[in-house]
Amino acid sequence: MDAELLPQCSAKGCRASAVWALHWNNPKLHTPEYRKIWLACDDHRESLGTFLELRGFLREVTAFGAIS
């Protein structure tokens, strides 16, 4: 598979492989059951999660392969 098509971390400028899935929604814009997903590498899982959590958007963090 082409390396550019592999799932990558959502952090700006990061090209590391995705390891985590951060499920989130903005309650002002989305229905309660709707989820958006940011992917994160091990290095950015905490910073991306903190960004979402401070805004009240983070709903769940799962291993990337566990996305259903």
N, C-alpha and C. Protein backbone atom coordinates (compact mmCIF):
# COMPACT_ATOMS: atom_id res chain seq x y z
N MET A 1 0.85 -1.17 0.00
CA MET A 1 0.00 0.00 0.00
C MET A 1 0.90 1.24 0.00
N ASP A 2 0.51 2.26 -0.70
CA ASP A 2 1.23 3.52 -0.78
C ASP A 2 1.27 4.17 0.60
N ALA A 3 2.45 4.59 1.04
CA ALA A 3 2.62 5.18 2.38
C ALA A 3 1.73 6.41 2.58
N GLU A 4 1.45 7.17 1.52
CA GLU A 4 0.62 8.36 1.66
C GLU A 4 -0.84 8.01 1.95
N LEU A 5 -1.24 6.76 1.71
CA LEU A 5 -2.62 6.36 1.93
C LEU A 5 -2.84 5.71 3.30
N LEU A 6 -1.76 5.44 4.02
CA LEU A 6 -1.89 4.86 5.35
C LEU A 6 -2.43 5.90 6.31
N PRO A 7 -3.29 5.49 7.24
CA PRO A 7 -3.84 6.44 8.21
C PRO A 7 -2.74 7.09 9.04
N GLN A 8 -2.78 8.41 9.10
CA GLN A 8 -1.75 9.18 9.80
C GLN A 8 -2.36 9.98 10.94
N CYS A 9 -1.51 10.37 11.85
CA CYS A 9 -1.89 11.22 12.98
C CYS A 9 -2.51 12.52 12.47
N SER A 10 -3.51 13.01 13.17
CA SER A 10 -4.19 14.26 12.80
C SER A 10 -3.48 15.52 13.28
N ALA A 11 -2.43 15.38 14.09
CA ALA A 11 -1.70 16.55 14.58
C ALA A 11 -1.04 17.27 13.41
N LYS A 12 -1.06 18.58 13.45
CA LYS A 12 -0.51 19.38 12.36
C LYS A 12 0.96 19.02 12.11
N GLY A 13 1.26 18.67 10.86
CA GLY A 13 2.62 18.37 10.45
C GLY A 13 3.11 16.98 10.80
N CYS A 14 2.33 16.20 11.52
CA CYS A 14 2.76 14.85 11.91
C CYS A 14 2.38 13.86 10.82
N ARG A 15 3.30 13.00 10.48
CA ARG A 15 3.05 11.98 9.47
C ARG A 15 3.20 10.57 10.04
N ALA A 16 3.20 10.47 11.37
CA ALA A 16 3.34 9.17 12.03
C ALA A 16 2.06 8.34 11.83
N SER A 17 2.21 7.06 11.93
CA SER A 17 1.06 6.16 11.79
C SER A 17 0.07 6.37 12.93
N ALA A 18 -1.20 6.22 12.61
CA ALA A 18 -2.26 6.35 13.61
C ALA A 18 -2.26 5.14 14.53
N VAL A 19 -2.39 5.39 15.81
CA VAL A 19 -2.46 4.33 16.82
C VAL A 19 -3.75 4.47 17.63
N TRP A 20 -4.23 5.69 17.79
CA TRP A 20 -5.40 6.00 18.61
C TRP A 20 -6.48 6.69 17.79
N ALA A 21 -7.73 6.47 18.18
CA ALA A 21 -8.87 7.16 17.59
C ALA A 21 -9.55 7.97 18.69
N LEU A 22 -9.61 9.28 18.51
CA LEU A 22 -10.26 10.16 19.48
C LEU A 22 -11.64 10.52 18.92
N HIS A 23 -12.67 10.02 19.56
CA HIS A 23 -14.05 10.24 19.12
C HIS A 23 -14.56 11.49 19.82
N TRP A 24 -15.11 12.41 19.04
CA TRP A 24 -15.55 13.67 19.63
C TRP A 24 -16.74 14.23 18.88
N ASN A 25 -17.39 15.20 19.50
CA ASN A 25 -18.39 16.00 18.81
C ASN A 25 -18.51 17.35 19.50
N ASN A 26 -18.98 18.31 18.76
CA ASN A 26 -19.24 19.65 19.30
C ASN A 26 -20.74 19.71 19.56
N PRO A 27 -21.14 19.74 20.83
CA PRO A 27 -22.58 19.71 21.13
C PRO A 27 -23.37 20.90 20.59
N LYS A 28 -22.69 21.99 20.25
CA LYS A 28 -23.39 23.14 19.66
C LYS A 28 -23.71 22.90 18.18
N LEU A 29 -22.99 21.95 17.56
CA LEU A 29 -23.17 21.69 16.13
C LEU A 29 -23.72 20.31 15.81
N HIS A 30 -23.45 19.33 16.66
CA HIS A 30 -23.76 17.94 16.35
C HIS A 30 -24.80 17.37 17.32
N THR A 31 -25.54 16.38 16.83
CA THR A 31 -26.45 15.66 17.70
C THR A 31 -25.63 14.83 18.68
N PRO A 32 -26.19 14.46 19.85
CA PRO A 32 -25.41 13.75 20.88
C PRO A 32 -24.77 12.45 20.40
N GLU A 33 -25.41 11.73 19.50
CA GLU A 33 -24.86 10.44 19.05
C GLU A 33 -23.82 10.57 17.93
N TYR A 34 -23.74 11.73 17.29
CA TYR A 34 -22.80 11.94 16.19
C TYR A 34 -21.37 11.96 16.71
N ARG A 35 -20.44 11.33 15.98
CA ARG A 35 -19.03 11.33 16.37
C ARG A 35 -18.14 11.66 15.18
N LYS A 36 -17.20 12.54 15.40
CA LYS A 36 -16.12 12.78 14.47
C LYS A 36 -14.91 12.06 15.06
N ILE A 37 -13.92 11.77 14.24
CA ILE A 37 -12.76 11.03 14.73
C ILE A 37 -11.49 11.71 14.28
N TRP A 38 -10.62 11.97 15.24
CA TRP A 38 -9.25 12.38 14.96
C TRP A 38 -8.37 11.18 15.24
N LEU A 39 -7.38 10.97 14.41
CA LEU A 39 -6.41 9.90 14.63
C LEU A 39 -5.18 10.49 15.30
N ALA A 40 -4.53 9.70 16.14
CA ALA A 40 -3.35 10.18 16.86
C ALA A 40 -2.28 9.11 16.94
N CYS A 41 -1.03 9.54 16.88
CA CYS A 41 0.10 8.66 17.16
C CYS A 41 0.29 8.65 18.67
N ASP A 42 1.20 7.82 19.17
CA ASP A 42 1.45 7.79 20.61
C ASP A 42 1.92 9.15 21.14
N ASP A 43 2.72 9.87 20.35
CA ASP A 43 3.27 11.15 20.80
C ASP A 43 2.21 12.25 20.92
N HIS A 44 1.15 12.19 20.12
CA HIS A 44 0.15 13.26 20.10
C HIS A 44 -1.19 12.88 20.72
N ARG A 45 -1.32 11.68 21.22
CA ARG A 45 -2.59 11.25 21.82
C ARG A 45 -2.99 12.16 22.97
N GLU A 46 -2.06 12.49 23.84
CA GLU A 46 -2.38 13.32 25.00
C GLU A 46 -2.69 14.76 24.60
N SER A 47 -1.89 15.36 23.73
CA SER A 47 -2.12 16.77 23.37
C SER A 47 -3.42 16.95 22.59
N LEU A 48 -3.72 16.05 21.65
CA LEU A 48 -4.98 16.16 20.92
C LEU A 48 -6.16 15.89 21.85
N GLY A 49 -6.02 14.92 22.74
CA GLY A 49 -7.08 14.63 23.69
C GLY A 49 -7.34 15.79 24.63
N THR A 50 -6.27 16.42 25.12
CA THR A 50 -6.41 17.58 26.00
C THR A 50 -7.11 18.73 25.29
N PHE A 51 -6.73 18.99 24.04
CA PHE A 51 -7.36 20.04 23.25
C PHE A 51 -8.87 19.83 23.18
N LEU A 52 -9.29 18.61 22.88
CA LEU A 52 -10.72 18.30 22.77
C LEU A 52 -11.41 18.32 24.14
N GLU A 53 -10.74 17.78 25.14
CA GLU A 53 -11.33 17.69 26.46
C GLU A 53 -11.56 19.07 27.09
N LEU A 54 -10.63 19.98 26.91
CA LEU A 54 -10.78 21.34 27.46
C LEU A 54 -12.01 22.05 26.89
N ARG A 55 -12.41 21.68 25.69
CA ARG A 55 -13.57 22.29 25.04
C ARG A 55 -14.85 21.49 25.30
N GLY A 56 -14.73 20.38 26.00
CA GLY A 56 -15.90 19.55 26.28
C GLY A 56 -16.33 18.71 25.09
N PHE A 57 -15.42 18.47 24.15
CA PHE A 57 -15.76 17.74 22.93
C PHE A 57 -15.40 16.25 22.98
N LEU A 58 -14.41 15.86 23.75
CA LEU A 58 -13.92 14.48 23.75
C LEU A 58 -14.97 13.55 24.35
N ARG A 59 -15.28 12.48 23.64
CA ARG A 59 -16.27 11.51 24.10
C ARG A 59 -15.64 10.17 24.45
N GLU A 60 -14.63 9.73 23.67
CA GLU A 60 -14.03 8.42 23.89
C GLU A 60 -12.72 8.32 23.15
N VAL A 61 -11.79 7.54 23.70
CA VAL A 61 -10.52 7.24 23.04
C VAL A 61 -10.41 5.74 22.93
N THR A 62 -10.16 5.25 21.70
CA THR A 62 -10.01 3.82 21.48
C THR A 62 -8.75 3.57 20.66
N ALA A 63 -8.30 2.34 20.69
CA ALA A 63 -7.22 1.94 19.81
C ALA A 63 -7.70 2.11 18.38
N PHE A 64 -6.84 2.55 17.47
CA PHE A 64 -7.25 2.84 16.09
C PHE A 64 -7.93 1.65 15.44
N GLY A 65 -7.41 0.46 15.61
CA GLY A 65 -8.00 -0.73 14.99
C GLY A 65 -9.36 -1.09 15.54
N ALA A 66 -9.79 -0.46 16.63
CA ALA A 66 -11.07 -0.79 17.26
C ALA A 66 -12.23 0.04 16.72
N ILE A 67 -11.97 0.92 15.75
CA ILE A 67 -13.05 1.74 15.18
C ILE A 67 -14.07 0.83 14.52
N SER A 68 -15.33 1.03 14.86
CA SER A 68 -16.38 0.21 14.25
C SER A 68 -17.29 1.04 13.38
